[in-house]
Amino acid sequence: MRGYDGECERVHGHNWRVKVVVSRTELNELGMGIDFTGLSVILDEVLSKLDHRDINTLEEFKEKNPTAENLAAFIYRGTKEQLPGGVCIEEVEIFETDRYSVSYSE
């Protein structure tokens, strides 16, 4: 992380868990707001842009630090763009450990 005085300043990896919360005001004929299989495809596509990459070299992070907060915002916006009509994204939460997480919503 640029400008950070500590161990995290150096290039390092992470294994995060990502939680995405979506909502819909009406359910479909099957009683679902969204099929989790479809949501998984969307999330996998967004996350594939980050997986096994030097995130600092990605266009979105050339001027922003790849903090958990900025990554949550990136995932939120990328997921939001691809959701089917009527489905709204409420929040993205990233867990760095079982005890620590950050969330992003608009």
N, C-alpha and C. Protein backbone atom coordinates (compact mmCIF):
# COMPACT_ATOMS: atom_id res chain seq x y z
N MET A 1 0.84 -1.18 0.00
CA MET A 1 0.00 0.00 0.00
C MET A 1 0.88 1.23 0.00
N ARG A 2 0.62 2.08 -0.94
CA ARG A 2 1.38 3.32 -1.07
C ARG A 2 1.09 4.24 0.12
N GLY A 3 2.14 4.79 0.70
CA GLY A 3 1.99 5.75 1.78
C GLY A 3 1.71 5.14 3.14
N TYR A 4 1.71 3.83 3.24
CA TYR A 4 1.44 3.15 4.51
C TYR A 4 2.77 2.75 5.13
N ASP A 5 2.99 3.13 6.38
CA ASP A 5 4.23 2.81 7.05
C ASP A 5 4.02 1.58 7.93
N GLY A 6 4.31 0.41 7.37
CA GLY A 6 4.14 -0.83 8.10
C GLY A 6 4.31 -2.01 7.18
N GLU A 7 4.09 -3.21 7.73
CA GLU A 7 4.29 -4.43 6.94
C GLU A 7 3.45 -4.46 5.68
N CYS A 8 2.25 -3.92 5.74
CA CYS A 8 1.35 -3.98 4.58
C CYS A 8 1.79 -3.09 3.43
N GLU A 9 2.84 -2.30 3.64
CA GLU A 9 3.35 -1.47 2.56
C GLU A 9 3.96 -2.34 1.46
N ARG A 10 4.58 -3.45 1.87
CA ARG A 10 5.21 -4.35 0.90
C ARG A 10 4.15 -5.19 0.18
N VAL A 11 4.47 -5.63 -1.01
CA VAL A 11 3.56 -6.49 -1.76
C VAL A 11 3.31 -7.76 -0.95
N HIS A 12 2.04 -8.10 -0.81
CA HIS A 12 1.66 -9.29 -0.05
C HIS A 12 0.31 -9.79 -0.57
N GLY A 13 -0.01 -11.02 -0.23
CA GLY A 13 -1.25 -11.63 -0.70
C GLY A 13 -2.29 -11.71 0.41
N HIS A 14 -3.51 -12.02 0.00
CA HIS A 14 -4.63 -12.20 0.92
C HIS A 14 -5.54 -13.30 0.42
N ASN A 15 -6.23 -13.91 1.35
CA ASN A 15 -7.35 -14.79 1.05
C ASN A 15 -8.55 -14.21 1.79
N TRP A 16 -9.41 -13.55 1.07
CA TRP A 16 -10.57 -12.91 1.67
C TRP A 16 -11.81 -13.72 1.39
N ARG A 17 -12.78 -13.59 2.26
CA ARG A 17 -14.14 -14.07 2.00
C ARG A 17 -14.96 -12.86 1.62
N VAL A 18 -15.84 -13.01 0.65
CA VAL A 18 -16.66 -11.91 0.18
C VAL A 18 -18.13 -12.29 0.36
N LYS A 19 -18.88 -11.39 0.96
CA LYS A 19 -20.32 -11.57 1.15
C LYS A 19 -21.04 -10.47 0.38
N VAL A 20 -21.97 -10.87 -0.47
CA VAL A 20 -22.76 -9.92 -1.24
C VAL A 20 -24.22 -10.07 -0.82
N VAL A 21 -24.85 -8.95 -0.47
CA VAL A 21 -26.26 -8.95 -0.08
C VAL A 21 -27.04 -8.22 -1.17
N VAL A 22 -28.05 -8.91 -1.71
CA VAL A 22 -28.91 -8.31 -2.73
C VAL A 22 -30.35 -8.33 -2.23
N SER A 23 -31.19 -7.52 -2.85
CA SER A 23 -32.60 -7.49 -2.48
C SER A 23 -33.47 -7.32 -3.73
N ARG A 24 -34.72 -7.60 -3.53
CA ARG A 24 -35.69 -7.43 -4.61
C ARG A 24 -37.04 -7.20 -3.94
N THR A 25 -37.84 -6.32 -4.48
CA THR A 25 -39.12 -6.02 -3.85
C THR A 25 -40.18 -7.07 -4.16
N GLU A 26 -40.04 -7.79 -5.28
CA GLU A 26 -41.00 -8.83 -5.63
C GLU A 26 -40.25 -10.11 -6.00
N LEU A 27 -40.80 -11.23 -5.60
CA LEU A 27 -40.20 -12.53 -5.93
C LEU A 27 -40.73 -13.03 -7.26
N ASN A 28 -39.95 -13.88 -7.92
CA ASN A 28 -40.42 -14.45 -9.18
C ASN A 28 -41.41 -15.58 -8.91
N GLU A 29 -41.87 -16.23 -9.97
CA GLU A 29 -42.89 -17.28 -9.84
C GLU A 29 -42.41 -18.48 -9.02
N LEU A 30 -41.11 -18.63 -8.87
CA LEU A 30 -40.56 -19.71 -8.05
C LEU A 30 -40.36 -19.28 -6.59
N GLY A 31 -40.62 -18.01 -6.30
CA GLY A 31 -40.44 -17.50 -4.95
C GLY A 31 -39.03 -17.05 -4.65
N MET A 32 -38.25 -16.74 -5.71
CA MET A 32 -36.87 -16.30 -5.53
C MET A 32 -36.71 -14.85 -5.96
N GLY A 33 -35.78 -14.17 -5.30
CA GLY A 33 -35.40 -12.83 -5.73
C GLY A 33 -34.34 -12.90 -6.82
N ILE A 34 -33.41 -13.84 -6.66
CA ILE A 34 -32.36 -14.09 -7.64
C ILE A 34 -31.89 -15.53 -7.45
N ASP A 35 -31.56 -16.15 -8.54
CA ASP A 35 -30.98 -17.49 -8.49
C ASP A 35 -29.52 -17.35 -8.08
N PHE A 36 -29.13 -18.02 -6.99
CA PHE A 36 -27.76 -17.90 -6.50
C PHE A 36 -26.74 -18.38 -7.54
N THR A 37 -27.14 -19.27 -8.43
CA THR A 37 -26.23 -19.71 -9.48
C THR A 37 -25.86 -18.53 -10.38
N GLY A 38 -26.84 -17.74 -10.75
CA GLY A 38 -26.59 -16.56 -11.57
C GLY A 38 -25.77 -15.51 -10.83
N LEU A 39 -26.07 -15.33 -9.55
CA LEU A 39 -25.30 -14.37 -8.75
C LEU A 39 -23.85 -14.83 -8.63
N SER A 40 -23.66 -16.14 -8.49
CA SER A 40 -22.30 -16.69 -8.40
C SER A 40 -21.51 -16.43 -9.68
N VAL A 41 -22.15 -16.57 -10.82
CA VAL A 41 -21.48 -16.30 -12.10
C VAL A 41 -21.05 -14.85 -12.17
N ILE A 42 -21.93 -13.94 -11.76
CA ILE A 42 -21.61 -12.51 -11.77
C ILE A 42 -20.44 -12.23 -10.84
N LEU A 43 -20.52 -12.73 -9.62
CA LEU A 43 -19.47 -12.47 -8.64
C LEU A 43 -18.14 -13.08 -9.07
N ASP A 44 -18.19 -14.29 -9.63
CA ASP A 44 -16.95 -14.92 -10.12
C ASP A 44 -16.28 -14.07 -11.19
N GLU A 45 -17.09 -13.47 -12.07
CA GLU A 45 -16.52 -12.62 -13.12
C GLU A 45 -15.86 -11.38 -12.53
N VAL A 46 -16.50 -10.76 -11.56
CA VAL A 46 -15.93 -9.57 -10.92
C VAL A 46 -14.65 -9.95 -10.17
N LEU A 47 -14.70 -11.03 -9.41
CA LEU A 47 -13.54 -11.44 -8.61
C LEU A 47 -12.38 -11.92 -9.47
N SER A 48 -12.68 -12.43 -10.66
CA SER A 48 -11.60 -12.92 -11.54
C SER A 48 -10.65 -11.79 -11.93
N LYS A 49 -11.13 -10.55 -11.88
CA LYS A 49 -10.27 -9.40 -12.19
C LYS A 49 -9.23 -9.16 -11.10
N LEU A 50 -9.46 -9.74 -9.91
CA LEU A 50 -8.57 -9.52 -8.77
C LEU A 50 -7.73 -10.74 -8.43
N ASP A 51 -8.21 -11.92 -8.78
CA ASP A 51 -7.59 -13.17 -8.35
C ASP A 51 -6.21 -13.38 -8.97
N HIS A 52 -5.22 -13.65 -8.12
CA HIS A 52 -3.84 -13.91 -8.53
C HIS A 52 -3.27 -12.77 -9.38
N ARG A 53 -3.58 -11.54 -8.97
CA ARG A 53 -3.10 -10.35 -9.68
C ARG A 53 -2.36 -9.45 -8.72
N ASP A 54 -1.47 -8.65 -9.25
CA ASP A 54 -0.90 -7.54 -8.49
C ASP A 54 -1.91 -6.41 -8.64
N ILE A 55 -2.75 -6.26 -7.65
CA ILE A 55 -3.87 -5.33 -7.73
C ILE A 55 -3.41 -3.90 -7.96
N ASN A 56 -2.22 -3.56 -7.48
CA ASN A 56 -1.70 -2.21 -7.69
C ASN A 56 -1.54 -1.86 -9.17
N THR A 57 -1.42 -2.86 -10.03
CA THR A 57 -1.23 -2.60 -11.46
C THR A 57 -2.54 -2.47 -12.22
N LEU A 58 -3.66 -2.77 -11.59
CA LEU A 58 -4.96 -2.64 -12.26
C LEU A 58 -5.33 -1.17 -12.38
N GLU A 59 -5.97 -0.81 -13.46
CA GLU A 59 -6.34 0.58 -13.73
C GLU A 59 -7.10 1.20 -12.56
N GLU A 60 -8.02 0.45 -11.98
CA GLU A 60 -8.85 0.96 -10.88
C GLU A 60 -8.05 1.31 -9.63
N PHE A 61 -6.83 0.73 -9.51
CA PHE A 61 -6.04 0.92 -8.30
C PHE A 61 -4.69 1.59 -8.57
N LYS A 62 -4.57 2.24 -9.71
CA LYS A 62 -3.32 2.95 -9.99
C LYS A 62 -3.13 4.17 -9.09
N GLU A 63 -4.24 4.75 -8.64
CA GLU A 63 -4.15 5.91 -7.76
C GLU A 63 -4.77 5.66 -6.39
N LYS A 64 -5.55 4.59 -6.27
CA LYS A 64 -6.16 4.22 -4.99
C LYS A 64 -5.43 3.03 -4.41
N ASN A 65 -5.28 3.01 -3.11
CA ASN A 65 -4.71 1.84 -2.46
C ASN A 65 -5.72 0.69 -2.49
N PRO A 66 -5.23 -0.53 -2.67
CA PRO A 66 -6.13 -1.68 -2.68
C PRO A 66 -6.49 -2.13 -1.26
N THR A 67 -7.06 -1.20 -0.50
CA THR A 67 -7.51 -1.52 0.84
C THR A 67 -8.74 -2.42 0.75
N ALA A 68 -9.07 -3.08 1.83
CA ALA A 68 -10.28 -3.89 1.86
C ALA A 68 -11.50 -3.03 1.55
N GLU A 69 -11.49 -1.79 2.04
CA GLU A 69 -12.61 -0.89 1.79
C GLU A 69 -12.75 -0.57 0.30
N ASN A 70 -11.63 -0.25 -0.36
CA ASN A 70 -11.67 0.05 -1.79
C ASN A 70 -12.00 -1.18 -2.62
N LEU A 71 -11.54 -2.34 -2.18
CA LEU A 71 -11.89 -3.58 -2.88
C LEU A 71 -13.38 -3.88 -2.74
N ALA A 72 -13.95 -3.65 -1.57
CA ALA A 72 -15.39 -3.85 -1.38
C ALA A 72 -16.18 -2.94 -2.30
N ALA A 73 -15.74 -1.68 -2.44
CA ALA A 73 -16.42 -0.74 -3.35
C ALA A 73 -16.29 -1.21 -4.80
N PHE A 74 -15.12 -1.70 -5.19
CA PHE A 74 -14.89 -2.22 -6.54
C PHE A 74 -15.83 -3.39 -6.82
N ILE A 75 -15.93 -4.32 -5.89
CA ILE A 75 -16.79 -5.49 -6.06
C ILE A 75 -18.26 -5.08 -6.09
N TYR A 76 -18.63 -4.13 -5.23
CA TYR A 76 -20.00 -3.63 -5.20
C TYR A 76 -20.39 -3.08 -6.57
N ARG A 77 -19.57 -2.18 -7.09
CA ARG A 77 -19.90 -1.52 -8.36
C ARG A 77 -19.90 -2.51 -9.53
N GLY A 78 -18.92 -3.41 -9.54
CA GLY A 78 -18.86 -4.40 -10.61
C GLY A 78 -20.04 -5.34 -10.60
N THR A 79 -20.49 -5.72 -9.41
CA THR A 79 -21.65 -6.60 -9.29
C THR A 79 -22.92 -5.86 -9.66
N LYS A 80 -23.04 -4.64 -9.18
CA LYS A 80 -24.23 -3.81 -9.45
C LYS A 80 -24.49 -3.68 -10.95
N GLU A 81 -23.42 -3.48 -11.73
CA GLU A 81 -23.55 -3.30 -13.18
C GLU A 81 -24.15 -4.51 -13.88
N GLN A 82 -24.00 -5.68 -13.30
CA GLN A 82 -24.40 -6.90 -13.99
C GLN A 82 -25.67 -7.55 -13.46
N LEU A 83 -26.24 -7.02 -12.40
CA LEU A 83 -27.43 -7.65 -11.82
C LEU A 83 -28.63 -7.51 -12.76
N PRO A 84 -29.49 -8.52 -12.79
CA PRO A 84 -30.69 -8.42 -13.62
C PRO A 84 -31.65 -7.37 -13.08
N GLY A 85 -32.53 -6.90 -13.94
CA GLY A 85 -33.50 -5.89 -13.55
C GLY A 85 -34.30 -6.30 -12.32
N GLY A 86 -34.55 -5.34 -11.47
CA GLY A 86 -35.34 -5.59 -10.27
C GLY A 86 -34.53 -6.05 -9.07
N VAL A 87 -33.28 -6.44 -9.30
CA VAL A 87 -32.42 -6.90 -8.21
C VAL A 87 -31.47 -5.77 -7.86
N CYS A 88 -31.42 -5.43 -6.57
CA CYS A 88 -30.58 -4.33 -6.09
C CYS A 88 -29.49 -4.89 -5.19
N ILE A 89 -28.31 -4.35 -5.30
CA ILE A 89 -27.23 -4.72 -4.39
C ILE A 89 -27.34 -3.83 -3.17
N GLU A 90 -27.27 -4.43 -2.00
CA GLU A 90 -27.38 -3.69 -0.75
C GLU A 90 -26.02 -3.45 -0.11
N GLU A 91 -25.15 -4.47 -0.16
CA GLU A 91 -23.89 -4.37 0.58
C GLU A 91 -22.91 -5.43 0.09
N VAL A 92 -21.64 -5.09 0.14
CA VAL A 92 -20.55 -6.05 -0.03
C VAL A 92 -19.72 -5.99 1.24
N GLU A 93 -19.49 -7.16 1.82
CA GLU A 93 -18.67 -7.26 3.02
C GLU A 93 -17.48 -8.15 2.72
N ILE A 94 -16.30 -7.69 3.10
CA ILE A 94 -15.07 -8.46 2.90
C ILE A 94 -14.51 -8.81 4.26
N PHE A 95 -14.25 -10.10 4.44
CA PHE A 95 -13.65 -10.61 5.67
C PHE A 95 -12.18 -10.89 5.42
N GLU A 96 -11.32 -10.18 6.13
CA GLU A 96 -9.89 -10.45 6.05
C GLU A 96 -9.53 -11.62 6.96
N THR A 97 -10.25 -11.73 8.06
CA THR A 97 -10.14 -12.86 8.98
C THR A 97 -11.55 -13.19 9.45
N ASP A 98 -11.69 -14.22 10.27
CA ASP A 98 -13.01 -14.54 10.82
C ASP A 98 -13.52 -13.44 11.75
N ARG A 99 -12.61 -12.63 12.27
CA ARG A 99 -12.98 -11.60 13.24
C ARG A 99 -13.08 -10.21 12.66
N TYR A 100 -12.45 -9.95 11.51
CA TYR A 100 -12.38 -8.59 10.99
C TYR A 100 -12.93 -8.51 9.57
N SER A 101 -13.82 -7.54 9.40
CA SER A 101 -14.39 -7.32 8.06
C SER A 101 -14.67 -5.85 7.87
N VAL A 102 -14.88 -5.48 6.62
CA VAL A 102 -15.37 -4.15 6.26
C VAL A 102 -16.52 -4.34 5.30
N SER A 103 -17.39 -3.35 5.24
CA SER A 103 -18.49 -3.44 4.29
C SER A 103 -18.61 -2.12 3.54
N TYR A 104 -19.20 -2.22 2.35
CA TYR A 104 -19.43 -1.05 1.52
C TYR A 104 -20.86 -1.11 1.00
N SER A 105 -21.52 0.03 1.05
CA SER A 105 -22.85 0.16 0.44
C SER A 105 -23.00 1.60 -0.03
N GLU A 106 -23.96 1.81 -0.88
CA GLU A 106 -24.22 3.17 -1.38
C GLU A 106 -25.61 3.60 -0.94
